[in-house]
Protein backbone atom coordinates (compact mmCIF):
# COMPACT_ATOMS: atom_id res chain seq x y z
CA MET A 1 261.98 96.70 1.97
CA HIS A 2 265.25 95.10 0.88
CA ASP A 3 267.10 92.97 3.40
CA ARG A 4 270.34 94.80 3.98
CA SER A 5 272.57 94.49 6.97
CA SER A 6 273.27 97.45 9.30
CA PRO A 7 276.64 99.17 8.82
CA PRO A 8 279.66 97.88 10.73
CA ASP A 9 280.99 99.65 13.73
CA ARG A 10 282.18 103.06 12.44
CA PRO A 11 285.92 103.59 12.48
CA ASN A 12 287.63 106.88 12.81
CA ALA A 13 286.99 109.33 10.01
CA GLY A 14 289.00 109.10 6.82
CA PRO A 15 288.70 108.03 3.20
CA ASN A 16 287.42 104.60 4.13
CA ALA A 17 285.30 105.57 7.08
CA ALA A 18 281.79 104.14 7.27
CA PRO A 19 279.04 106.69 6.58
CA ASN A 20 277.02 108.39 9.30
CA ALA A 21 273.34 107.49 9.80
CA TYR A 22 271.10 108.48 6.86
CA ALA A 23 274.07 108.66 4.47
CA GLY A 24 275.72 106.28 2.12
CA ILE A 25 272.58 104.53 0.88
CA PRO A 26 273.22 102.52 -2.35
CA LEU A 27 270.67 104.51 -4.34
CA ASP A 28 271.03 105.64 -7.95
CA ARG A 29 269.29 108.95 -7.99
CA ALA A 30 269.03 108.82 -11.72
CA GLY A 31 269.10 112.53 -12.19
CA VAL A 32 268.92 112.32 -16.02
CA ARG A 33 265.78 110.14 -15.82
CA ARG A 34 263.97 112.81 -13.84
CA LYS A 35 263.74 114.94 -16.95
CA ASP A 36 262.00 112.20 -18.93
CA LYS A 37 258.29 112.43 -18.22
CA ASP A 38 257.46 109.30 -20.15
CA TRP A 39 260.11 107.26 -18.28
CA LEU A 40 258.85 108.59 -14.97
CA LYS A 41 255.24 107.66 -15.90
CA ASP A 42 256.36 104.08 -16.86
CA ALA A 43 258.45 103.79 -13.69
CA TRP A 44 255.48 104.81 -11.55
CA ALA A 45 253.25 102.28 -13.29
CA SER A 46 255.83 99.43 -12.98
CA PRO A 47 254.63 96.50 -10.85
CA ASN A 48 257.97 96.44 -9.17
CA ALA A 49 258.06 100.13 -8.19
CA ARG A 50 257.82 100.90 -4.46
CA LEU A 51 256.32 103.81 -2.52
CA LEU A 52 257.42 105.17 0.87
CA PRO A 53 254.54 107.46 1.99
CA VAL A 54 255.08 110.48 4.23
CA ALA A 55 252.46 112.47 6.17
CA LYS A 56 253.13 115.54 8.32
CA SER A 57 256.88 114.83 8.03
CA ARG A 58 256.38 111.37 9.49
CA ASN A 59 257.40 108.14 7.75
CA PHE A 60 255.20 105.04 7.30
CA VAL A 61 256.63 102.13 9.40
CA THR A 62 255.71 98.89 11.14
CA GLY A 63 257.18 97.00 14.08
CA ASP A 64 257.86 97.81 17.64
CA ALA A 65 259.63 100.93 18.78
CA ASP A 66 262.91 99.02 19.05
CA SER A 67 262.55 97.12 15.77
CA ALA A 68 260.81 99.57 13.40
CA ARG A 69 260.90 98.86 9.63
CA ALA A 70 259.88 101.06 6.73
CA VAL A 71 256.83 100.01 4.86
CA ALA A 72 257.16 100.27 1.08
CA VAL A 73 253.96 99.67 -0.86
CA ALA A 74 253.09 99.30 -4.59
CA CYS A 75 253.09 102.42 -6.75
CA GLY A 76 250.62 103.19 -9.53
CA GLY A 77 247.22 104.79 -9.66
CA ASP A 78 246.09 108.18 -8.45
CA TRP A 79 247.04 109.03 -4.82
CA GLY A 80 245.65 112.59 -5.14
CA VAL A 81 249.09 114.17 -5.03
CA GLU A 82 252.04 114.27 -7.35
CA PRO A 83 254.56 111.47 -6.59
CA VAL A 84 258.24 112.42 -6.07
CA PHE A 85 260.88 110.14 -7.60
CA LEU A 86 263.61 109.12 -5.20
CA GLY A 87 265.73 106.90 -7.42
CA LEU A 88 266.60 103.34 -8.23
CA LEU A 89 267.48 100.79 -5.52
CA ASP A 90 268.91 97.58 -7.13
CA GLY A 91 267.21 98.83 -10.35
CA VAL A 92 263.75 99.23 -8.69
CA PRO A 93 262.14 102.62 -8.89
CA HIS A 94 261.33 104.19 -5.50
CA PHE A 95 258.89 107.05 -5.00
CA THR A 96 257.30 109.00 -2.15
CA VAL A 97 254.07 110.88 -1.75
CA ASP A 98 253.08 113.48 0.88
CA LEU A 99 249.65 112.52 2.32
CA THR A 100 249.59 115.41 4.79
CA GLY A 101 246.32 116.58 3.20
CA LEU A 102 244.46 113.53 4.33
CA GLU A 103 242.72 113.57 7.71
CA ALA A 104 243.69 109.96 8.47
CA PRO A 105 246.49 109.03 5.95
CA GLU A 106 247.10 105.64 7.66
CA GLU A 107 243.57 104.67 6.61
CA HIS A 108 244.25 105.17 2.88
CA PRO A 109 243.00 101.99 1.16
CA ALA A 110 246.50 101.10 0.04
CA LEU A 111 247.93 101.51 3.58
CA ALA A 112 245.17 100.47 5.97
CA GLY A 113 246.36 97.87 8.41
CA LEU A 114 249.99 97.89 7.18
CA GLY A 115 251.59 100.34 9.62
CA ARG A 116 251.60 103.79 11.16
CA PHE A 117 253.22 107.14 10.61
CA GLU A 118 256.07 107.81 13.03
CA ASP A 119 258.61 110.67 13.54
CA LEU A 120 261.94 109.51 12.11
CA ARG A 121 263.67 110.98 15.09
CA ALA A 122 261.91 108.30 17.21
CA VAL A 123 262.49 105.26 14.99
CA GLY A 124 265.46 106.17 12.80
CA PRO A 125 268.12 105.04 15.34
CA VAL A 126 266.80 101.43 15.30
CA MET A 127 266.00 101.10 11.65
CA GLU A 128 268.17 99.24 9.08
CA ALA A 129 270.63 101.66 7.52
CA THR A 130 269.28 101.73 3.92
CA GLU A 131 265.73 102.04 5.06
CA ALA A 132 266.52 104.84 7.41
CA GLY A 133 268.38 106.68 4.73
CA LEU A 134 265.49 106.35 2.26
CA CYS A 135 263.05 107.55 4.89
CA ALA A 136 265.25 110.54 5.67
CA TYR A 137 265.42 111.33 1.91
CA ALA A 138 261.62 111.01 1.51
CA ARG A 139 261.06 113.21 4.57
CA GLY A 140 263.44 115.90 3.34
CA ILE A 141 262.22 116.14 -0.26
CA THR A 142 258.54 116.19 0.65
CA TRP A 143 259.20 118.87 3.33
CA TRP A 144 260.88 121.04 0.69
CA ASN A 145 258.06 120.64 -1.88
CA ALA A 146 255.40 121.41 0.73
CA ARG A 147 257.10 124.66 1.65
CA HIS A 148 257.86 125.93 -1.84
CA ARG A 149 254.46 125.87 -3.54
CA PHE A 150 254.85 129.49 -4.51
CA CYS A 151 257.60 131.38 -6.39
CA GLY A 152 259.89 133.22 -4.07
CA VAL A 153 260.44 135.81 -6.82
CA CYS A 154 256.98 136.84 -7.92
CA GLY A 155 254.64 134.92 -5.64
CA SER A 156 252.93 132.88 -8.41
CA VAL A 157 252.18 129.19 -8.06
CA ALA A 158 255.25 127.01 -8.53
CA ALA A 159 254.59 123.69 -10.16
CA GLY A 160 256.53 120.46 -9.53
CA ALA A 161 258.85 119.23 -12.26
CA GLU A 162 261.60 116.68 -12.87
CA GLY A 163 260.09 114.10 -10.56
CA GLY A 164 259.62 116.52 -7.68
CA HIS A 165 263.19 117.87 -7.66
CA VAL A 166 262.47 121.20 -9.27
CA ARG A 167 259.64 123.71 -8.84
CA VAL A 168 258.97 126.05 -11.74
CA CYS A 169 257.10 129.36 -11.51
CA THR A 170 253.95 129.17 -13.61
CA ASN A 171 254.10 132.91 -14.44
CA PRO A 172 255.54 132.89 -17.98
CA ASP A 173 257.09 136.28 -17.35
CA CYS A 174 259.02 134.87 -14.45
CA ALA A 175 259.42 131.13 -15.00
CA THR A 176 262.05 130.91 -12.24
CA HIS A 177 263.32 127.37 -11.44
CA HIS A 178 263.61 126.61 -7.77
CA PHE A 179 265.79 123.70 -6.48
CA PRO A 180 265.81 121.91 -3.16
CA ARG A 181 267.56 123.77 -0.38
CA THR A 182 270.01 122.17 2.02
CA ASP A 183 271.38 124.42 4.85
CA PRO A 184 275.05 123.81 5.66
CA ALA A 185 275.82 123.70 9.39
CA VAL A 186 279.10 123.12 11.20
CA ILE A 187 279.16 120.86 14.19
CA MET A 188 282.34 120.67 16.20
CA LEU A 189 283.86 118.81 19.05
CA VAL A 190 286.02 121.32 20.94
CA HIS A 191 288.68 119.73 23.16
CA ASP A 192 291.64 121.05 25.16
CA GLY A 193 294.14 118.49 23.89
CA ALA A 194 294.39 117.06 27.42
CA GLY A 195 291.33 114.92 27.96
CA ARG A 196 288.55 117.41 28.21
CA VAL A 197 285.68 118.36 25.81
CA VAL A 198 283.14 121.13 25.78
CA LEU A 199 279.46 120.03 25.86
CA GLY A 200 276.56 122.31 25.94
CA ARG A 201 272.77 122.20 26.35
CA ASN A 202 270.36 124.10 24.12
CA SER A 203 266.83 124.80 25.51
CA ARG A 204 265.39 123.02 22.41
CA PHE A 205 267.16 119.72 23.32
CA PRO A 206 265.25 116.87 24.82
CA PRO A 207 265.36 116.89 28.65
CA GLY A 208 268.84 116.15 30.03
CA MET A 209 270.61 116.03 26.70
CA HIS A 210 274.12 117.57 26.27
CA SER A 211 275.99 117.72 22.94
CA VAL A 212 278.82 119.31 21.03
CA LEU A 213 278.48 122.83 19.63
CA ALA A 214 276.89 123.62 16.21
CA GLY A 215 275.64 126.47 14.07
CA PHE A 216 274.72 127.41 10.59
CA VAL A 217 277.27 128.68 7.98
CA GLU A 218 276.70 132.25 7.05
CA PRO A 219 277.01 133.84 3.55
CA GLY A 220 280.54 134.58 2.50
CA GLU A 221 281.99 132.35 5.25
CA SER A 222 284.29 129.33 4.89
CA LEU A 223 283.60 126.30 7.01
CA GLU A 224 286.71 126.86 9.08
CA ASP A 225 285.74 130.48 9.70
CA SER A 226 282.25 129.26 10.68
CA VAL A 227 283.74 126.85 13.28
CA LYS A 228 285.81 129.65 14.75
CA ARG A 229 282.96 132.15 14.90
CA GLU A 230 280.33 129.75 16.35
CA VAL A 231 282.59 128.52 19.12
CA LEU A 232 283.56 132.09 19.98
CA GLU A 233 279.96 133.22 19.99
CA GLU A 234 278.58 130.36 22.00
CA VAL A 235 281.22 129.71 24.61
CA GLY A 236 283.80 132.52 24.18
CA LEU A 237 286.68 130.20 23.28
CA GLU A 238 289.33 130.67 20.57
CA VAL A 239 290.21 127.52 18.64
CA THR A 240 292.87 126.18 16.33
CA ASP A 241 293.86 122.87 14.70
CA ILE A 242 290.44 122.62 12.98
CA ARG A 243 290.04 119.20 11.37
CA TYR A 244 287.25 117.92 9.16
CA HIS A 245 285.72 114.66 10.29
CA SER A 246 282.70 113.71 8.15
CA SER A 247 279.22 114.92 7.09
CA GLN A 248 275.65 113.81 7.63
CA PRO A 249 272.38 114.70 5.94
CA TRP A 250 270.07 115.77 8.70
CA PRO A 251 266.42 115.95 7.57
CA PHE A 252 265.09 117.75 10.73
CA PRO A 253 264.25 119.64 8.66
CA SER A 254 266.84 120.25 5.92
CA SER A 255 270.48 120.58 6.99
CA LEU A 256 273.83 119.10 5.98
CA MET A 257 275.88 118.66 9.15
CA LEU A 258 279.61 119.16 8.50
CA GLY A 259 281.58 117.61 11.38
CA PHE A 260 284.83 119.00 12.75
CA SER A 261 287.11 118.83 15.73
CA ALA A 262 289.01 121.87 17.05
CA ARG A 263 291.48 122.48 19.92
CA ALA A 264 290.75 125.39 22.28
CA VAL A 265 293.62 127.83 22.89
CA THR A 266 291.59 129.63 25.55
CA LEU A 267 289.90 127.70 28.31
CA ASP A 268 287.63 130.00 30.24
CA ILE A 269 284.11 129.29 29.08
CA GLN A 270 281.83 132.30 28.67
CA THR A 271 278.44 130.90 27.75
CA ASP A 272 276.13 132.95 25.57
CA LEU A 273 272.82 132.27 27.41
CA GLU A 274 270.81 133.32 24.36
CA GLU A 275 272.39 130.38 22.52
CA LEU A 276 272.84 127.82 25.30
CA GLU A 277 271.35 127.08 28.69
CA THR A 278 274.74 125.85 29.91
CA ALA A 279 278.12 124.73 28.68
CA ARG A 280 281.14 123.30 30.53
CA TRP A 281 284.21 121.15 30.24
CA PHE A 282 283.71 117.34 30.65
CA ASP A 283 286.51 114.87 31.38
CA ARG A 284 286.99 111.91 29.07
CA ASP A 285 287.14 109.45 31.99
CA PHE A 286 283.84 110.78 33.32
CA LEU A 287 282.06 110.43 29.95
CA ARG A 288 283.49 106.92 29.48
CA THR A 289 282.02 105.64 32.77
CA PHE A 290 278.84 107.71 33.37
CA THR A 291 275.43 106.15 33.08
CA PRO A 292 272.95 107.94 30.84
CA SER A 293 269.56 108.83 32.32
CA GLU A 294 266.67 111.18 31.62
CA ALA A 295 268.45 113.74 33.71
CA SER A 296 271.73 113.47 31.92
CA ARG A 297 272.55 111.98 28.51
CA LEU A 298 274.57 112.59 25.38
CA ALA A 299 273.39 113.36 21.85
CA ARG A 300 271.09 110.90 20.13
CA PRO A 301 272.81 107.76 18.74
CA ASP A 302 271.99 108.38 15.07
CA SER A 303 273.66 111.81 15.09
CA ILE A 304 277.12 112.90 13.89
CA ALA A 305 277.34 114.67 17.26
CA ARG A 306 277.25 111.42 19.11
CA ARG A 307 279.81 109.86 16.69
CA LEU A 308 282.20 112.77 17.36
CA ILE A 309 281.85 112.26 21.05
CA ASP A 310 282.12 108.48 21.05
CA GLU A 311 285.23 108.47 18.89
CA TRP A 312 286.87 111.15 20.99
CA ILE A 313 286.22 109.10 24.08
CA ALA A 314 287.62 105.94 22.39
CA GLU A 315 290.86 107.82 21.45
CA GLY A 316 291.90 107.66 25.14
CA GLU A 317 291.55 103.90 25.43
């Protein structure tokens, strides 16, 4: 992969704020080129083109757990599956293929001995920023293609088109075009304006992990209304002073996280135990000095949740 430095320490959100993990990669998605089959064919056959394979939603990497790097191999030839065009990085075409159908994808002749397939949730936090973003993109687009092989309108086979960014129903009487789905979700740091923040624990979290509140946006709902509803549903608090922070593509599996802060105007937490195992107020001073462990830790370091928490803690310094 290209030798690019990691992003600088992230300042507070704003027009010049550094991007969250998996965002801001310097990639030209070349949307117009996707419609040109001849151009895509030539790009795939180019000796400079690079391929980032995916299998079972895992990315192909090398290196130790604390220094993982993405492995990008040469394109061209028949991989047994249709390649998906990602875009141009420094003018170089980048593609991905989903090798989930192979019993031992890491033993493919073009990959053998070069690396292993790993869950991006395990290696993404230590990867170089551009590589991590490309891996997230490859993971997300292959996940969508794998789950939309049939038309949602009539049930006929849906064929890939435009470099893997559209699936078209093969039934001529239907011919519906299906486009990649991204599910918007709000994620919000709820504070009391006096040095406390609400953190909760979902049963699906890794052991000991606590994080800010989050939930999916419902049809017909604004982002601000979604923040209010989710906080009220999950912890019974009313909030005001809702402020947008930043966003993050989250390919686990296909969300766009929209970060906010909000100030609680009621303080008595009433936890919805169907949504959360627990939720309570945490003091800023406690969070600044506590030592993470398997029994108690904050959200993962590559998440917008962690950025919201870390920047809130830093505000009191």
